[in-house]
N, C-alpha and C. Protein backbone atom coordinates (compact mmCIF):
# COMPACT_ATOMS: atom_id res chain seq x y z
N MET A 1 36.34 62.75 -59.75
CA MET A 1 36.72 61.53 -60.42
C MET A 1 37.73 60.76 -59.57
N ARG A 2 38.66 61.47 -58.94
CA ARG A 2 39.65 60.79 -58.11
C ARG A 2 38.97 60.02 -56.98
N HIS A 3 38.01 60.65 -56.35
CA HIS A 3 37.31 60.00 -55.24
C HIS A 3 36.53 58.78 -55.72
N ALA A 4 35.89 58.89 -56.88
CA ALA A 4 35.13 57.77 -57.42
C ALA A 4 36.05 56.59 -57.75
N LEU A 5 37.19 56.88 -58.35
CA LEU A 5 38.15 55.81 -58.65
C LEU A 5 38.68 55.17 -57.37
N ALA A 6 39.04 56.01 -56.41
CA ALA A 6 39.57 55.48 -55.15
C ALA A 6 38.53 54.60 -54.45
N GLU A 7 37.28 54.99 -54.51
CA GLU A 7 36.21 54.20 -53.88
C GLU A 7 36.06 52.84 -54.55
N VAL A 8 36.14 52.81 -55.87
CA VAL A 8 36.04 51.55 -56.60
C VAL A 8 37.17 50.61 -56.18
N PHE A 9 38.37 51.12 -56.09
CA PHE A 9 39.51 50.28 -55.72
C PHE A 9 39.46 49.89 -54.24
N LEU A 10 39.02 50.80 -53.40
CA LEU A 10 38.95 50.53 -51.97
C LEU A 10 37.93 49.43 -51.66
N ARG A 11 36.82 49.46 -52.35
CA ARG A 11 35.76 48.48 -52.11
C ARG A 11 35.96 47.18 -52.88
N GLY A 12 36.96 47.11 -53.73
CA GLY A 12 37.23 45.89 -54.48
C GLY A 12 36.17 45.57 -55.51
N GLU A 13 35.66 46.60 -56.18
CA GLU A 13 34.56 46.42 -57.13
C GLU A 13 35.00 46.01 -58.52
N THR A 14 36.28 45.93 -58.78
CA THR A 14 36.73 45.61 -60.13
C THR A 14 36.48 44.15 -60.49
N GLY A 15 36.40 43.29 -59.50
CA GLY A 15 36.12 41.88 -59.76
C GLY A 15 37.34 41.08 -60.16
N ASP A 16 38.51 41.67 -60.14
CA ASP A 16 39.74 40.95 -60.49
C ASP A 16 40.57 40.76 -59.22
N PRO A 17 40.70 39.51 -58.75
CA PRO A 17 41.48 39.25 -57.53
C PRO A 17 42.95 39.69 -57.64
N ALA A 18 43.52 39.59 -58.84
CA ALA A 18 44.92 40.00 -59.02
C ALA A 18 45.07 41.50 -58.81
N LEU A 19 44.13 42.26 -59.32
CA LEU A 19 44.16 43.72 -59.15
C LEU A 19 43.91 44.09 -57.70
N GLU A 20 43.00 43.42 -57.06
CA GLU A 20 42.71 43.70 -55.65
C GLU A 20 43.89 43.32 -54.76
N ALA A 21 44.63 42.28 -55.13
CA ALA A 21 45.78 41.85 -54.33
C ALA A 21 46.91 42.87 -54.37
N ILE A 22 47.08 43.55 -55.50
CA ILE A 22 48.14 44.56 -55.63
C ILE A 22 47.81 45.78 -54.78
N GLY A 23 46.58 46.22 -54.83
CA GLY A 23 46.19 47.42 -54.11
C GLY A 23 46.56 48.66 -54.91
N VAL A 24 45.62 49.58 -55.03
CA VAL A 24 45.82 50.77 -55.86
C VAL A 24 45.56 52.01 -55.02
N SER A 25 46.45 52.97 -55.14
CA SER A 25 46.28 54.27 -54.52
C SER A 25 46.18 55.30 -55.64
N VAL A 26 45.08 56.04 -55.67
CA VAL A 26 44.87 57.07 -56.70
C VAL A 26 45.31 58.39 -56.11
N LEU A 27 46.39 58.95 -56.64
CA LEU A 27 46.95 60.18 -56.08
C LEU A 27 46.41 61.43 -56.74
N GLU A 28 46.12 61.36 -58.03
CA GLU A 28 45.67 62.55 -58.75
C GLU A 28 44.99 62.12 -60.03
N VAL A 29 44.05 62.93 -60.49
CA VAL A 29 43.44 62.73 -61.80
C VAL A 29 43.50 64.07 -62.52
N ALA A 30 44.15 64.08 -63.66
CA ALA A 30 44.27 65.29 -64.47
C ALA A 30 43.32 65.18 -65.66
N MET A 31 42.51 66.19 -65.86
CA MET A 31 41.55 66.21 -66.95
C MET A 31 42.10 67.05 -68.10
N SER A 32 41.84 66.61 -69.32
CA SER A 32 42.22 67.41 -70.48
C SER A 32 41.31 68.64 -70.54
N PRO A 33 41.70 69.70 -71.24
CA PRO A 33 40.88 70.92 -71.29
C PRO A 33 39.46 70.69 -71.82
N ASP A 34 39.30 69.74 -72.75
CA ASP A 34 37.97 69.47 -73.29
C ASP A 34 37.21 68.41 -72.49
N LEU A 35 37.79 67.94 -71.38
CA LEU A 35 37.19 66.95 -70.48
C LEU A 35 36.90 65.60 -71.13
N ARG A 36 37.58 65.30 -72.21
CA ARG A 36 37.36 64.02 -72.89
C ARG A 36 38.37 62.95 -72.47
N LEU A 37 39.41 63.35 -71.76
CA LEU A 37 40.44 62.42 -71.34
C LEU A 37 40.83 62.69 -69.90
N ALA A 38 40.84 61.64 -69.10
CA ALA A 38 41.25 61.75 -67.70
C ALA A 38 42.49 60.88 -67.52
N THR A 39 43.55 61.46 -66.99
CA THR A 39 44.76 60.70 -66.70
C THR A 39 44.83 60.51 -65.20
N ALA A 40 44.71 59.26 -64.79
CA ALA A 40 44.73 58.93 -63.36
C ALA A 40 46.14 58.50 -62.99
N TYR A 41 46.74 59.21 -62.04
CA TYR A 41 48.07 58.87 -61.54
C TYR A 41 47.91 57.98 -60.32
N VAL A 42 48.39 56.77 -60.45
CA VAL A 42 48.19 55.75 -59.42
C VAL A 42 49.52 55.19 -58.95
N ARG A 43 49.49 54.54 -57.80
CA ARG A 43 50.66 53.83 -57.27
C ARG A 43 50.17 52.52 -56.69
N PRO A 44 50.94 51.46 -56.92
CA PRO A 44 50.61 50.20 -56.24
C PRO A 44 51.04 50.28 -54.79
N LEU A 45 50.38 49.52 -53.94
CA LEU A 45 50.78 49.51 -52.53
C LEU A 45 52.14 48.83 -52.36
N GLU A 46 52.49 47.94 -53.29
CA GLU A 46 53.81 47.34 -53.32
C GLU A 46 54.57 47.98 -54.48
N ALA A 47 55.61 48.74 -54.19
CA ALA A 47 56.28 49.58 -55.17
C ALA A 47 56.79 48.85 -56.40
N HIS A 48 57.23 47.63 -56.27
CA HIS A 48 57.83 46.91 -57.39
C HIS A 48 56.81 46.32 -58.36
N ARG A 49 55.52 46.56 -58.15
CA ARG A 49 54.49 45.95 -58.99
C ARG A 49 53.81 46.96 -59.91
N GLY A 50 54.48 48.04 -60.23
CA GLY A 50 53.90 49.09 -61.06
C GLY A 50 53.54 48.65 -62.46
N ASP A 51 54.43 47.93 -63.13
CA ASP A 51 54.15 47.47 -64.50
C ASP A 51 52.97 46.51 -64.53
N GLU A 52 52.92 45.62 -63.58
CA GLU A 52 51.81 44.67 -63.49
C GLU A 52 50.50 45.41 -63.25
N LEU A 53 50.54 46.41 -62.38
CA LEU A 53 49.34 47.19 -62.09
C LEU A 53 48.82 47.89 -63.34
N LEU A 54 49.71 48.52 -64.11
CA LEU A 54 49.29 49.22 -65.32
C LEU A 54 48.66 48.27 -66.33
N LYS A 55 49.20 47.07 -66.47
CA LYS A 55 48.63 46.09 -67.40
C LYS A 55 47.23 45.69 -66.97
N LEU A 56 47.04 45.46 -65.68
CA LEU A 56 45.72 45.08 -65.18
C LEU A 56 44.72 46.22 -65.32
N LEU A 57 45.14 47.43 -65.00
CA LEU A 57 44.24 48.57 -65.12
C LEU A 57 43.85 48.82 -66.56
N ASP A 58 44.79 48.66 -67.47
CA ASP A 58 44.49 48.85 -68.89
C ASP A 58 43.50 47.79 -69.37
N ARG A 59 43.65 46.56 -68.88
CA ARG A 59 42.74 45.47 -69.26
C ARG A 59 41.32 45.75 -68.77
N HIS A 60 41.18 46.37 -67.60
CA HIS A 60 39.87 46.61 -66.99
C HIS A 60 39.40 48.06 -67.13
N ARG A 61 40.03 48.81 -68.01
CA ARG A 61 39.75 50.24 -68.15
C ARG A 61 38.27 50.52 -68.43
N ARG A 62 37.68 49.81 -69.37
CA ARG A 62 36.27 50.04 -69.72
C ARG A 62 35.34 49.67 -68.57
N HIS A 63 35.65 48.58 -67.90
CA HIS A 63 34.82 48.15 -66.77
C HIS A 63 34.89 49.18 -65.63
N ILE A 64 36.08 49.67 -65.35
CA ILE A 64 36.26 50.68 -64.30
C ILE A 64 35.51 51.96 -64.68
N ARG A 65 35.59 52.33 -65.94
CA ARG A 65 34.86 53.51 -66.42
C ARG A 65 33.36 53.34 -66.20
N GLY A 66 32.85 52.16 -66.47
CA GLY A 66 31.44 51.87 -66.25
C GLY A 66 31.06 51.91 -64.78
N LEU A 67 31.98 51.53 -63.91
CA LEU A 67 31.70 51.55 -62.47
C LEU A 67 31.62 52.97 -61.92
N ILE A 68 32.43 53.88 -62.45
CA ILE A 68 32.43 55.24 -61.90
C ILE A 68 31.44 56.17 -62.58
N THR A 69 30.94 55.79 -63.75
CA THR A 69 30.01 56.66 -64.48
C THR A 69 28.79 57.06 -63.66
N PRO A 70 28.10 56.14 -62.97
CA PRO A 70 26.92 56.56 -62.20
C PRO A 70 27.25 57.44 -60.99
N ARG A 71 28.49 57.46 -60.57
CA ARG A 71 28.89 58.25 -59.40
C ARG A 71 29.22 59.69 -59.73
N LEU A 72 29.37 59.97 -61.01
CA LEU A 72 29.76 61.32 -61.43
C LEU A 72 28.62 62.00 -62.18
N ASN A 73 28.46 63.26 -61.96
CA ASN A 73 27.43 64.03 -62.64
C ASN A 73 28.10 64.79 -63.79
N MET A 74 28.34 64.06 -64.87
CA MET A 74 29.01 64.66 -66.03
C MET A 74 28.17 64.41 -67.27
N ARG A 75 28.25 65.32 -68.20
CA ARG A 75 27.49 65.19 -69.44
C ARG A 75 27.95 63.96 -70.22
N PHE A 76 29.24 63.75 -70.29
CA PHE A 76 29.79 62.54 -70.91
C PHE A 76 30.96 62.07 -70.08
N MET A 77 31.22 60.80 -70.17
CA MET A 77 32.29 60.21 -69.36
C MET A 77 33.59 60.23 -70.16
N PRO A 78 34.64 60.82 -69.60
CA PRO A 78 35.91 60.86 -70.33
C PRO A 78 36.57 59.48 -70.39
N ASP A 79 37.41 59.30 -71.38
CA ASP A 79 38.22 58.10 -71.46
C ASP A 79 39.28 58.19 -70.36
N ILE A 80 39.58 57.06 -69.74
CA ILE A 80 40.54 57.06 -68.63
C ILE A 80 41.81 56.36 -69.06
N ARG A 81 42.93 56.99 -68.76
CA ARG A 81 44.21 56.31 -68.92
C ARG A 81 44.93 56.36 -67.59
N PHE A 82 45.70 55.32 -67.34
CA PHE A 82 46.38 55.19 -66.06
C PHE A 82 47.88 55.34 -66.25
N ARG A 83 48.50 56.06 -65.33
CA ARG A 83 49.95 56.26 -65.32
C ARG A 83 50.44 56.08 -63.88
N ILE A 84 51.67 55.59 -63.74
CA ILE A 84 52.27 55.46 -62.42
C ILE A 84 52.73 56.85 -61.98
N ASP A 85 52.38 57.23 -60.78
CA ASP A 85 52.80 58.52 -60.23
C ASP A 85 54.23 58.40 -59.71
N THR A 86 55.10 59.25 -60.19
CA THR A 86 56.51 59.20 -59.80
C THR A 86 56.91 60.37 -58.91
N ALA A 87 55.97 61.19 -58.47
CA ALA A 87 56.29 62.37 -57.68
C ALA A 87 56.96 61.99 -56.35
N LEU A 88 56.49 60.93 -55.71
CA LEU A 88 57.09 60.52 -54.44
C LEU A 88 58.52 60.02 -54.63
N ASP A 89 58.77 59.31 -55.72
CA ASP A 89 60.12 58.84 -56.01
C ASP A 89 61.06 60.02 -56.23
N TYR A 90 60.58 61.03 -56.95
CA TYR A 90 61.38 62.21 -57.21
C TYR A 90 61.68 62.95 -55.91
N ALA A 91 60.69 63.08 -55.04
CA ALA A 91 60.89 63.77 -53.76
C ALA A 91 61.91 63.02 -52.90
N GLU A 92 61.85 61.68 -52.90
CA GLU A 92 62.83 60.89 -52.15
C GLU A 92 64.24 61.11 -52.69
N LYS A 93 64.35 61.18 -54.01
CA LYS A 93 65.66 61.40 -54.64
C LYS A 93 66.24 62.75 -54.22
N ILE A 94 65.42 63.78 -54.23
CA ILE A 94 65.88 65.11 -53.82
C ILE A 94 66.29 65.11 -52.35
N ASP A 95 65.51 64.44 -51.51
CA ASP A 95 65.86 64.35 -50.08
C ASP A 95 67.20 63.65 -49.88
N ARG A 96 67.43 62.58 -50.63
CA ARG A 96 68.72 61.86 -50.53
C ARG A 96 69.88 62.77 -50.95
N ILE A 97 69.68 63.52 -52.01
CA ILE A 97 70.73 64.42 -52.50
C ILE A 97 71.02 65.50 -51.45
N LEU A 98 69.96 66.07 -50.89
CA LEU A 98 70.16 67.15 -49.92
C LEU A 98 70.74 66.66 -48.60
N SER A 99 70.54 65.39 -48.28
CA SER A 99 71.10 64.87 -47.03
C SER A 99 72.52 64.33 -47.20
N ASP A 100 73.03 64.32 -48.41
CA ASP A 100 74.40 63.91 -48.67
C ASP A 100 75.34 64.87 -47.94
N PRO A 101 76.33 64.38 -47.20
CA PRO A 101 77.23 65.27 -46.44
C PRO A 101 77.94 66.31 -47.30
N ALA A 102 78.34 65.94 -48.51
CA ALA A 102 79.03 66.89 -49.38
C ALA A 102 78.10 68.03 -49.79
N VAL A 103 76.86 67.70 -50.09
CA VAL A 103 75.89 68.74 -50.48
C VAL A 103 75.56 69.61 -49.28
N ALA A 104 75.34 68.98 -48.13
CA ALA A 104 75.04 69.74 -46.91
C ALA A 104 76.19 70.70 -46.58
N ARG A 105 77.42 70.23 -46.76
CA ARG A 105 78.59 71.08 -46.51
C ARG A 105 78.59 72.27 -47.47
N ASP A 106 78.34 72.01 -48.75
CA ASP A 106 78.31 73.09 -49.74
C ASP A 106 77.20 74.09 -49.46
N LEU A 107 76.05 73.58 -49.07
CA LEU A 107 74.94 74.47 -48.76
C LEU A 107 75.25 75.31 -47.52
N GLY A 108 75.92 74.71 -46.55
CA GLY A 108 76.29 75.42 -45.33
C GLY A 108 77.27 76.53 -45.62
N GLU A 109 78.25 76.29 -46.50
CA GLU A 109 79.23 77.32 -46.85
C GLU A 109 78.57 78.46 -47.59
N LYS A 110 77.62 78.14 -48.46
CA LYS A 110 76.96 79.18 -49.22
C LYS A 110 76.17 80.11 -48.31
N LYS A 111 75.53 79.56 -47.31
CA LYS A 111 74.75 80.37 -46.38
C LYS A 111 75.65 81.30 -45.59
N GLU A 112 76.86 80.84 -45.23
CA GLU A 112 77.78 81.67 -44.47
C GLU A 112 78.29 82.83 -45.31
N ASP A 113 78.48 82.62 -46.63
CA ASP A 113 78.98 83.67 -47.51
C ASP A 113 77.94 84.77 -47.73
N GLU A 114 76.68 84.41 -47.66
CA GLU A 114 75.63 85.38 -47.94
C GLU A 114 75.54 86.31 -46.80
């Protein structure tokens, strides 16, 4: 499903110039245990346009579902919901914390005590 979604966005098949202008990166798709719901974690190519991207994706959700249905060999097509992926933001935050001189100093002292 992730590959099918990414292909739709890459080829500009949604038909909405505003959505195509933002650019969408599909990082992960999580399926519910009963396969009736797919949560697609996406990121805009421009970081500050996440809210706008979610509104556009929600507006075109049924159309996007129709575009990927023939590409997947599934008994039924799950409903798709879109969420902004925040994993990269979290990783950046952790990196900033670990590179802080005070934290680096504390980590260095702890290693010497061990």
